[in-house]
Protein backbone atom coordinates (compact mmCIF):
# COMPACT_ATOMS: atom_id res chain seq x y z
CA MET A 1 -34.80 0.50 0.07
CA SER A 2 -34.05 1.49 3.60
CA VAL A 3 -30.74 -0.35 3.41
CA VAL A 4 -29.65 1.78 0.50
CA ASP A 5 -30.73 4.92 2.27
CA ASP A 6 -28.85 3.93 5.44
CA GLY A 7 -25.73 3.28 3.43
CA SER A 8 -26.02 6.57 1.65
CA LEU A 9 -26.10 8.41 4.94
CA LYS A 10 -22.63 7.07 5.78
CA HIS A 11 -20.92 8.38 2.68
CA PRO A 12 -20.84 12.15 3.33
CA PRO A 13 -18.58 12.02 6.41
CA GLU A 14 -16.21 9.57 4.66
CA SER A 15 -16.00 11.76 1.56
CA ALA A 16 -15.40 14.79 3.76
CA VAL A 17 -12.48 13.01 5.42
CA ASP A 18 -11.15 11.96 2.01
CA GLN A 19 -11.38 15.50 0.71
CA ARG A 20 -9.55 16.80 3.77
CA TRP A 21 -6.49 14.59 3.53
CA LYS A 22 -6.38 15.04 -0.24
CA PHE A 23 -6.34 18.79 0.27
CA LEU A 24 -3.58 18.47 2.88
CA VAL A 25 -1.47 16.35 0.53
CA PHE A 26 -2.07 18.78 -2.34
CA TYR A 27 -1.08 21.73 -0.14
CA LEU A 28 2.09 19.96 1.02
CA CYS A 29 3.08 19.16 -2.58
CA PHE A 30 2.38 22.77 -3.60
CA TYR A 31 4.54 23.92 -0.69
CA GLY A 32 7.33 21.55 -1.73
CA PHE A 33 7.16 22.85 -5.30
CA MET A 34 7.21 26.54 -4.39
CA THR A 35 10.08 26.27 -1.89
CA GLN A 36 12.30 24.91 -4.68
CA ILE A 37 11.85 28.02 -6.85
CA ARG A 38 15.28 29.56 -6.30
CA PRO A 39 16.45 30.70 -9.77
CA GLY A 40 19.66 32.17 -8.38
CA GLU A 41 20.85 28.88 -6.85
CA SER A 42 22.41 27.55 -10.06
CA PHE A 43 24.57 30.68 -10.33
CA ILE A 44 25.87 31.10 -6.78
CA THR A 45 29.49 30.23 -7.63
CA PRO A 46 29.84 32.60 -10.63
CA TYR A 47 28.06 35.22 -8.51
CA LEU A 48 30.63 34.86 -5.72
CA LEU A 49 33.53 34.90 -8.18
CA GLY A 50 32.13 37.78 -10.24
CA ALA A 51 32.23 41.53 -9.82
CA ASP A 52 29.31 41.56 -7.36
CA LYS A 53 31.30 39.83 -4.57
CA ASN A 54 34.79 39.43 -6.07
CA PHE A 55 35.94 36.48 -3.96
CA THR A 56 38.92 34.47 -5.19
CA LYS A 57 38.75 30.85 -6.32
CA VAL A 58 40.92 29.81 -3.38
CA GLU A 59 38.54 31.47 -0.91
CA VAL A 60 35.46 29.87 -2.45
CA THR A 61 37.07 26.44 -2.86
CA ASN A 62 39.02 26.08 0.38
CA GLU A 63 37.33 28.44 2.89
CA ILE A 64 33.66 28.99 1.98
CA THR A 65 32.37 25.74 0.44
CA PRO A 66 33.83 23.36 3.10
CA VAL A 67 31.65 25.03 5.77
CA LEU A 68 28.59 23.41 4.16
CA SER A 69 29.82 19.89 4.99
CA TYR A 70 30.76 20.86 8.55
CA SER A 71 27.46 22.55 9.35
CA TYR A 72 25.43 19.76 7.78
CA MET A 73 27.15 17.16 9.96
CA ALA A 74 26.79 19.29 13.09
CA VAL A 75 23.03 19.86 12.79
CA LEU A 76 21.88 16.64 11.10
CA VAL A 77 21.26 14.50 14.21
CA PRO A 78 19.66 17.27 16.33
CA ILE A 79 17.34 18.25 13.50
CA PHE A 80 16.47 14.61 12.80
CA LEU A 81 15.40 14.12 16.41
CA LEU A 82 13.67 17.49 16.69
CA THR A 83 11.74 16.81 13.49
CA ASP A 84 10.03 13.83 15.07
CA TYR A 85 9.70 15.33 18.56
CA LEU A 86 8.29 18.68 17.39
CA ARG A 87 6.12 17.03 14.73
CA TYR A 88 7.56 18.43 11.51
CA LYS A 89 6.03 21.90 11.19
CA PRO A 90 8.46 23.84 13.47
CA VAL A 91 11.41 22.33 11.58
CA LEU A 92 9.86 23.35 8.27
CA VAL A 93 9.53 26.90 9.63
CA LEU A 94 13.21 26.74 10.65
CA GLN A 95 14.09 25.61 7.11
CA SER A 96 12.23 28.56 5.59
CA LEU A 97 13.94 31.02 7.95
CA SER A 98 17.32 29.49 7.03
CA HIS A 99 16.54 29.86 3.32
CA ILE A 100 15.72 33.53 3.88
CA SER A 101 18.99 33.97 5.79
CA ILE A 102 20.93 32.44 2.89
CA TRP A 103 19.64 34.92 0.35
CA LEU A 104 19.92 37.90 2.70
CA LEU A 105 23.59 37.06 3.24
CA LEU A 106 24.15 36.52 -0.49
CA ILE A 107 22.64 39.90 -1.27
CA PHE A 108 23.98 42.06 1.56
CA GLY A 109 26.99 40.10 2.85
CA THR A 110 30.40 41.30 1.72
CA THR A 111 32.90 39.52 3.96
CA LEU A 112 34.31 36.00 3.98
CA LEU A 113 32.67 35.37 7.36
CA ALA A 114 29.26 36.33 5.98
CA MET A 115 29.62 33.78 3.17
CA GLN A 116 30.67 31.12 5.67
CA PHE A 117 27.50 31.83 7.66
CA MET A 118 25.59 31.54 4.40
CA GLU A 119 26.96 28.00 3.97
CA PHE A 120 26.10 27.25 7.60
CA PHE A 121 22.45 28.12 7.02
CA TYR A 122 22.56 26.08 3.81
CA GLY A 123 23.57 23.07 5.90
CA ILE A 124 20.52 23.63 8.13
CA THR A 125 18.19 23.70 5.12
CA MET A 126 19.65 20.43 3.82
CA ALA A 127 19.31 18.70 7.20
CA ALA A 128 15.72 19.94 7.54
CA ARG A 129 14.67 18.19 4.32
CA VAL A 130 13.84 15.15 6.43
CA ALA A 131 10.87 17.09 7.85
CA TYR A 132 9.26 17.50 4.44
CA SER A 133 9.96 13.92 3.29
CA SER A 134 8.50 12.36 6.46
CA TYR A 135 5.60 14.81 6.95
CA ILE A 136 3.56 13.00 4.29
CA PHE A 137 3.43 9.81 6.39
CA SER A 138 1.49 11.58 9.13
CA LEU A 139 -1.28 12.64 6.73
CA VAL A 140 -2.33 9.37 5.10
CA THR A 141 -2.91 5.73 5.95
CA PRO A 142 -0.22 3.12 5.25
CA SER A 143 -1.98 1.94 2.08
CA HIS A 144 -1.28 5.36 0.50
CA TYR A 145 2.36 5.72 1.60
CA GLN A 146 4.05 4.73 -1.66
CA ARG A 147 1.81 6.80 -3.93
CA MET A 148 1.79 9.89 -1.72
CA ALA A 149 5.56 9.75 -1.22
CA SER A 150 6.01 9.68 -4.98
CA TYR A 151 3.74 12.73 -5.30
CA SER A 152 5.73 14.74 -2.78
CA ARG A 153 9.03 13.72 -4.38
CA SER A 154 7.76 14.59 -7.86
CA ALA A 155 6.66 18.01 -6.61
CA VAL A 156 10.19 18.72 -5.38
CA LEU A 157 11.79 17.56 -8.64
CA MET A 158 9.39 19.65 -10.70
CA GLY A 159 10.19 22.64 -8.50
CA VAL A 160 13.94 22.19 -9.05
CA PHE A 161 13.39 21.78 -12.80
CA THR A 162 11.18 24.87 -13.04
CA SER A 163 13.61 26.91 -10.94
CA SER A 164 16.60 25.94 -13.11
CA VAL A 165 14.77 26.68 -16.37
CA LEU A 166 13.52 30.01 -15.03
CA GLY A 167 16.99 31.03 -13.92
CA GLN A 168 18.57 30.08 -17.24
CA LEU A 169 15.94 31.93 -19.28
CA CYS A 170 16.38 35.04 -17.14
CA VAL A 171 20.16 35.00 -17.59
CA THR A 172 20.46 33.97 -21.26
CA VAL A 173 17.35 35.48 -22.82
CA GLY A 174 16.58 38.34 -20.47
CA GLY A 175 20.12 39.29 -19.50
CA VAL A 176 19.07 39.51 -15.85
CA PRO A 177 22.02 40.12 -13.47
CA PHE A 178 22.83 37.51 -10.83
CA MET A 179 22.01 40.03 -8.09
CA THR A 180 18.47 40.41 -9.43
CA LEU A 181 18.05 36.63 -9.49
CA ASN A 182 18.97 36.57 -5.83
CA TYR A 183 16.28 39.13 -5.04
CA VAL A 184 13.75 36.99 -6.92
CA SER A 185 14.87 33.93 -4.95
CA LEU A 186 14.49 35.84 -1.69
CA GLY A 187 10.93 36.77 -2.66
CA PHE A 188 10.02 33.13 -3.28
CA MET A 189 11.58 32.13 0.05
CA LEU A 190 9.46 34.73 1.86
CA PHE A 191 6.40 33.31 0.14
CA GLY A 192 7.50 29.83 1.21
CA LEU A 193 7.62 30.99 4.83
CA VAL A 194 4.02 32.18 4.56
CA LEU A 195 3.00 28.80 3.13
CA THR A 196 4.77 27.03 6.00
CA LEU A 197 2.73 28.89 8.60
CA PHE A 198 -0.51 27.42 7.20
CA LEU A 199 0.67 23.81 7.29
CA GLU A 200 -1.30 21.68 9.75
CA GLN A 201 0.79 20.31 12.59
CA PRO A 202 0.24 16.53 12.96
CA LYS A 203 -0.88 15.14 16.30
CA ARG A 204 1.46 12.16 16.12
CA SER A 205 4.97 11.37 14.95
CA LEU A 206 7.05 8.27 14.27
CA PHE A 207 8.98 7.76 17.53
CA PHE A 208 7.92 10.44 19.99
CA ASN A 209 4.46 11.70 20.99
CA LYS A 210 2.91 8.25 20.97
CA SER A 211 0.04 7.31 23.24
CA GLY A 212 -0.19 3.97 25.01
CA GLY A 213 2.50 1.55 26.06
CA PRO A 214 5.74 0.76 24.27
CA PRO A 215 5.21 -0.49 20.72
CA PRO A 216 6.10 -4.04 19.69
CA SER A 217 9.46 -4.80 18.18
CA GLU A 218 9.94 -5.07 14.43
CA LEU A 219 10.03 -8.88 14.57
CA ASP A 220 6.74 -8.92 16.49
CA ARG A 221 5.15 -6.74 13.81
CA MET A 222 6.35 -9.01 11.02
CA HIS A 223 5.65 -12.34 12.78
CA PRO A 224 2.95 -11.94 15.43
CA VAL A 225 2.51 -14.92 17.72
CA GLU A 226 -0.92 -15.64 19.16
CA GLY A 227 -1.04 -16.37 22.85
CA LYS A 228 2.41 -14.90 23.41
CA PRO A 229 2.73 -13.80 27.04
CA VAL A 230 2.97 -10.08 27.60
CA PRO A 231 6.46 -9.15 28.84
CA PRO A 232 6.82 -7.12 32.02
CA ALA A 233 6.87 -3.37 31.66
CA PRO A 234 10.41 -2.17 30.91
CA SER A 235 12.20 0.52 32.81
CA PRO A 236 11.61 4.09 31.61
CA TRP A 237 14.98 4.38 29.89
CA ARG A 238 14.47 1.07 28.08
CA SER A 239 11.09 2.22 26.76
CA SER A 240 12.51 5.53 25.55
CA ALA A 241 12.55 6.31 21.85
CA LEU A 242 16.35 6.50 21.66
CA PHE A 243 16.83 3.09 23.27
CA ARG A 244 14.27 1.55 20.92
CA MET A 245 16.08 3.08 17.94
CA LEU A 246 19.43 1.59 18.95
CA ARG A 247 17.92 -1.81 19.78
CA GLU A 248 16.13 -2.08 16.45
CA LEU A 249 19.26 -0.97 14.55
CA GLY A 250 21.26 -3.83 16.04
CA THR A 251 18.64 -6.30 14.82
CA ILE A 252 18.14 -5.09 11.26
CA ALA A 253 21.89 -4.56 10.59
CA LYS A 254 22.13 -8.36 10.13
CA LEU A 255 19.99 -8.33 6.96
CA PRO A 256 22.35 -8.76 3.94
CA GLN A 257 20.49 -6.68 1.35
CA LEU A 258 19.79 -3.90 3.82
CA ARG A 259 23.47 -3.83 4.79
CA LEU A 260 24.64 -3.75 1.15
CA TRP A 261 22.37 -0.91 0.06
CA SER A 262 23.03 1.04 3.25
CA LEU A 263 26.77 0.88 2.50
CA TRP A 264 26.04 2.06 -1.04
CA TRP A 265 24.00 4.92 0.39
CA ILE A 266 26.84 5.94 2.71
CA PHE A 267 29.84 5.71 0.37
CA ASN A 268 28.32 6.70 -2.98
CA SER A 269 26.17 9.55 -1.72
CA ALA A 270 29.19 11.04 0.05
CA GLY A 271 31.09 11.18 -3.25
CA TYR A 272 28.00 12.33 -5.14
CA TYR A 273 27.40 15.37 -2.94
CA LEU A 274 31.07 16.33 -2.89
CA MET A 275 30.97 16.42 -6.69
CA LEU A 276 27.75 18.44 -6.50
CA TYR A 277 29.29 21.02 -4.14
CA TYR A 278 32.34 21.70 -6.30
CA VAL A 279 31.17 21.17 -9.87
CA GLN A 280 30.30 24.84 -10.43
CA LEU A 281 33.90 25.71 -9.56
CA LEU A 282 35.07 23.16 -12.12
CA TRP A 283 32.84 24.69 -14.78
CA ASN A 284 34.21 28.13 -14.00
CA GLU A 285 37.75 26.73 -14.27
CA ILE A 286 37.08 25.16 -17.68
CA TYR A 287 35.06 28.07 -19.08
CA PRO A 288 35.86 31.29 -17.15
CA THR A 289 33.57 33.61 -19.12
CA THR A 290 32.73 37.11 -17.94
CA ASP A 291 29.57 37.20 -20.05
CA ASN A 292 26.71 36.07 -17.82
CA ARG A 293 24.61 35.18 -20.87
CA LYS A 294 27.03 32.34 -21.65
CA VAL A 295 26.78 30.73 -18.21
CA TYR A 296 24.49 27.73 -18.68
CA ASN A 297 24.44 26.34 -15.15
CA GLY A 298 20.66 26.61 -14.87
CA GLY A 299 20.02 24.72 -18.10
CA VAL A 300 22.40 21.95 -17.06
CA ASP A 301 20.72 21.64 -13.66
CA ALA A 302 17.33 21.46 -15.37
CA ALA A 303 18.48 18.74 -17.78
CA SER A 304 20.13 16.70 -15.01
CA THR A 305 17.01 16.99 -12.83
CA LEU A 306 14.78 15.87 -15.69
CA LEU A 307 17.05 12.92 -16.52
CA GLY A 308 17.21 12.01 -12.82
CA ALA A 309 13.42 11.98 -12.62
CA ILE A 310 13.19 9.78 -15.74
CA THR A 311 15.79 7.28 -14.53
CA ALA A 312 14.26 7.18 -11.06
CA PHE A 313 10.88 6.43 -12.64
CA ALA A 314 12.40 3.76 -14.91
CA ALA A 315 14.08 2.09 -11.95
CA GLY A 316 10.66 1.16 -10.61
CA TYR A 317 10.15 -1.16 -13.57
CA VAL A 318 13.46 -3.06 -13.33
CA LYS A 319 12.61 -6.65 -12.42
CA ILE A 320 15.66 -8.79 -11.59
CA ARG A 321 16.79 -11.03 -8.75
CA TRP A 322 18.35 -8.33 -6.58
CA ALA A 323 19.72 -10.84 -4.08
CA LEU A 324 21.94 -12.15 -6.90
CA TRP A 325 22.59 -9.09 -9.07
CA SER A 326 22.73 -6.15 -6.63
CA GLU A 327 26.54 -6.07 -6.37
CA LEU A 328 26.97 -6.30 -10.14
CA VAL A 329 24.47 -3.50 -10.85
CA ILE A 330 26.01 -1.23 -8.22
CA GLY A 331 29.53 -2.00 -9.45
CA ALA A 332 28.66 -1.32 -13.10
CA VAL A 333 26.92 1.98 -12.33
CA THR A 334 29.79 3.07 -10.03
CA ALA A 335 32.39 2.22 -12.70
CA PHE A 336 30.36 4.28 -15.20
CA GLN A 337 30.35 7.19 -12.74
CA ALA A 338 34.12 6.88 -12.26
CA GLY A 339 34.59 7.18 -16.02
CA LEU A 340 32.40 10.29 -16.09
CA LEU A 341 34.43 11.87 -13.30
CA LEU A 342 37.64 11.17 -15.24
CA LEU A 343 36.12 12.84 -18.30
CA MET A 344 35.07 15.86 -16.23
CA SER A 345 38.57 16.10 -14.76
CA THR A 346 40.48 15.92 -18.05
CA THR A 347 38.30 17.62 -20.66
CA SER A 348 38.71 21.24 -21.68
CA ASN A 349 35.35 21.25 -23.48
CA ILE A 350 32.66 22.69 -21.25
CA TRP A 351 29.88 20.88 -23.13
CA LEU A 352 31.51 17.49 -22.54
CA CYS A 353 31.79 18.40 -18.87
CA TYR A 354 28.12 19.41 -18.81
CA GLY A 355 27.10 16.14 -20.46
CA ALA A 356 29.16 14.03 -18.05
CA TYR A 357 27.59 15.86 -15.11
CA ILE A 358 24.06 15.23 -16.41
CA LEU A 359 24.77 11.50 -16.90
CA PHE A 360 26.41 11.26 -13.48
CA ARG A 361 23.37 12.67 -11.72
CA GLY A 362 21.00 10.54 -13.77
CA SER A 363 22.88 7.32 -12.94
CA TYR A 364 22.87 8.16 -9.24
CA GLN A 365 19.14 8.93 -9.23
CA PHE A 366 18.55 5.59 -10.98
CA LEU A 367 19.88 3.70 -7.95
CA VAL A 368 18.23 5.85 -5.27
CA PRO A 369 14.68 4.40 -5.57
CA ILE A 370 16.13 0.88 -5.81
CA ALA A 371 18.05 1.46 -2.58
CA ILE A 372 14.93 2.87 -0.91
CA PHE A 373 12.90 -0.16 -1.99
CA GLN A 374 15.56 -2.67 -0.90
CA ILE A 375 15.90 -1.03 2.50
CA ALA A 376 12.21 -0.38 3.11
CA THR A 377 10.75 -3.59 1.71
CA SER A 378 10.69 -5.44 5.06
CA LEU A 379 10.70 -2.57 7.54
CA SER A 380 8.03 -0.43 9.14
CA LYS A 381 7.92 3.28 8.40
CA GLU A 382 9.54 4.02 11.77
CA LEU A 383 12.57 1.89 10.97
CA CYS A 384 12.74 3.24 7.41
CA ALA A 385 13.08 6.77 8.74
CA LEU A 386 15.65 5.60 11.28
CA VAL A 387 17.78 3.67 8.77
CA PHE A 388 17.72 6.51 6.24
CA GLY A 389 18.67 8.96 8.97
CA VAL A 390 21.59 6.82 10.17
CA ASN A 391 22.81 6.24 6.60
CA THR A 392 22.67 9.96 5.87
CA PHE A 393 24.56 10.73 9.07
CA PHE A 394 27.42 8.34 8.30
CA ALA A 395 27.56 9.61 4.72
CA THR A 396 27.82 13.15 6.07
CA VAL A 397 30.61 12.16 8.47
CA LEU A 398 32.55 10.54 5.61
CA LYS A 399 31.95 13.55 3.37
CA THR A 400 33.18 15.88 6.11
CA ILE A 401 36.35 13.84 6.66
CA ILE A 402 37.15 13.92 2.93
CA THR A 403 36.47 17.66 2.86
CA MET A 404 38.82 18.27 5.79
CA ILE A 405 41.60 16.30 4.11
CA ILE A 406 41.48 17.45 0.49
CA SER A 407 39.48 20.72 0.38
CA ASP A 408 39.98 22.67 3.59
CA LYS A 409 42.89 25.08 3.67
CA ARG A 410 43.96 23.44 6.95
CA GLY A 411 44.29 20.14 5.07
CA LEU A 412 45.74 19.67 1.60
CA GLY A 413 43.79 22.64 0.26
CA LEU A 414 43.61 21.22 -3.27
CA SER A 415 42.23 23.24 -6.13
CA VAL A 416 39.17 21.96 -7.94
CA HIS A 417 40.84 19.90 -10.71
CA PRO A 418 42.98 17.78 -8.33
CA GLN A 419 39.88 17.30 -6.18
CA PHE A 420 38.03 15.71 -9.09
CA TYR A 421 40.97 13.36 -9.66
CA VAL A 422 40.55 12.29 -6.04
CA TYR A 423 36.81 11.72 -6.61
CA PHE A 424 37.66 9.63 -9.69
CA ALA A 425 40.04 7.46 -7.66
CA TYR A 426 37.43 7.17 -4.89
CA PHE A 427 34.70 5.91 -7.24
CA THR A 428 37.16 3.61 -9.01
CA LEU A 429 38.01 1.99 -5.68
CA LEU A 430 34.31 1.61 -4.85
CA ALA A 431 33.62 0.04 -8.27
CA ALA A 432 36.47 -2.44 -7.79
CA VAL A 433 35.10 -3.46 -4.39
CA TYR A 434 31.53 -3.86 -5.67
CA LEU A 435 32.60 -5.86 -8.73
CA GLY A 436 34.82 -8.06 -6.56
CA ALA A 437 31.84 -8.70 -4.30
CA ALA A 438 29.74 -9.53 -7.39
CA VAL A 439 32.30 -12.16 -8.42
CA CYS A 440 32.17 -13.68 -4.93
CA VAL A 441 28.36 -13.80 -5.04
CA ALA A 442 28.44 -15.43 -8.48
CA VAL A 443 30.92 -18.09 -7.29
CA ARG A 444 28.83 -18.87 -4.21
CA HIS A 445 25.67 -19.05 -6.31
CA ARG A 446 27.33 -21.42 -8.79
CA ARG A 447 28.44 -23.70 -5.98
CA ARG A 448 24.93 -23.78 -4.55
CA LYS A 449 23.53 -24.84 -7.92
CA VAL A 450 25.75 -27.96 -8.10
CA PRO A 451 23.11 -30.72 -8.49
CA GLN A 452 22.77 -33.32 -5.80
CA GLU A 453 20.35 -35.58 -7.75
CA PRO A 454 21.41 -38.19 -10.36
CA ALA A 455 22.21 -37.01 -13.88
CA PHE A 456 19.12 -38.74 -15.32
CA ALA A 457 16.85 -36.83 -12.97
CA LYS A 458 18.64 -33.60 -13.85
CA GLU A 459 17.97 -34.14 -17.57
CA LEU A 460 14.26 -34.64 -16.88
CA SER A 461 13.91 -31.51 -14.75
CA SER A 462 12.80 -28.32 -16.47
CA PRO A 463 14.59 -24.95 -16.25
CA ALA A 464 11.72 -23.59 -14.18
CA GLU A 465 12.28 -26.38 -11.67
CA GLU A 466 16.02 -25.73 -11.52
CA ALA A 467 15.63 -21.98 -10.93
CA PRO A 468 14.90 -22.11 -7.18
CA GLY A 469 17.98 -24.31 -6.77
CA LYS A 470 18.64 -25.43 -3.27
CA GLU A 471 15.11 -25.10 -1.91
CA ARG A 472 13.50 -27.20 -4.72
CA SER A 473 16.09 -30.03 -4.51
CA ALA A 474 15.57 -30.31 -0.78
CA GLU A 475 12.01 -31.54 -1.27
CA PRO A 476 11.61 -35.28 -0.70
CA GLY A 477 10.10 -36.04 -4.09
CA SER A 478 12.30 -33.88 -6.28
CA VAL A 479 14.98 -36.51 -6.95
CA HIS A 480 12.46 -39.13 -8.16
CA ILE A 481 10.21 -36.81 -10.15
């Protein structure tokens, strides 16, 4: 009886700890949901082109929107490093202040320069998203990472969905002006700042602020060797976080699947976000209505977010041999996206354009969790954050280069329709490369499956025995089975 009593005395402190981290996770998810409630965001382009601001399409396309890509590239690396060094919370406060600056400039700004600063602050908010996505890892143990990360991501998607639906209902049903929606968005951003101030600042981070000696390398974590002699203490610069980042990157870049999905992340996400930046201009070009009630941007954003959440969830249940089929799946999805971009570029029906946009976003979100899984499956959380940060940086550099060439007035300064033809050609080229790589993988796989054993032995072997291929035939007894 005393044993039971002794055990019962140990439960209260454990349950108290459990309740604490559960509350922290719930609060973070609530914060992520509320900071996405920006009902005016889906209508920024018609707001800038309308009577409230009266900017021209050339100004919005070639002078205002390109600033977003430039600012995002300029602040991405500093914010990525500061996020880890400052332990998340200060960067989340910076993100909230930047959101407030965006809506203040949208409401009170009247000049071209003010709108360019608005895009600059928008770039800061996008770069600071890494603070929210990585904050969750400091709250829970590794066994809860996957589930808690899905909770935080779902909270963001639900916030975007709710915001888009709210904005569309206000415009279509309530006839609310775009200016009023911006005031509502500003109010939610102020509330988000208050929520940020009550977030708990973690005591540790991924790379910086670590106690003890330098951590083991990734290979040592994956394959520990007993009795391995302890290496001499490295010089201070070799034990620094930046040096460890670069050293580990050089090692993991040799992994084939990680390299493939990282390249997909870089090239496809660059094209995806360029389409996202300019699609509202395309909608306004196809359907230039002056009646705000007939602008359905919010409903389309809500539908695309919902489809993206569904496809991302469904991707978790796809069970195939990714080492063999990755190139083919990526190539097929990219070819599908290229066809959707062609439809968006050529159609004069706004509903067809809306539908193509929804399918484009859904197909992209289908591959995102697969890419995350393929990259993170054999890496620690430190290297996951590093690889995702590097991939995002290179994607941003590529996106900025394309923007400078085709969108900026100092480059070609193309209008929105020719830009979408360029995006179509870009995705077509990517699809051709991926499908070509898939053919090469299939040829190599077929050559590896050429049987080395006698024909009689091959007839006796079962399909299950043939599936592993090279490894099974290499066993001494496989030929004489």
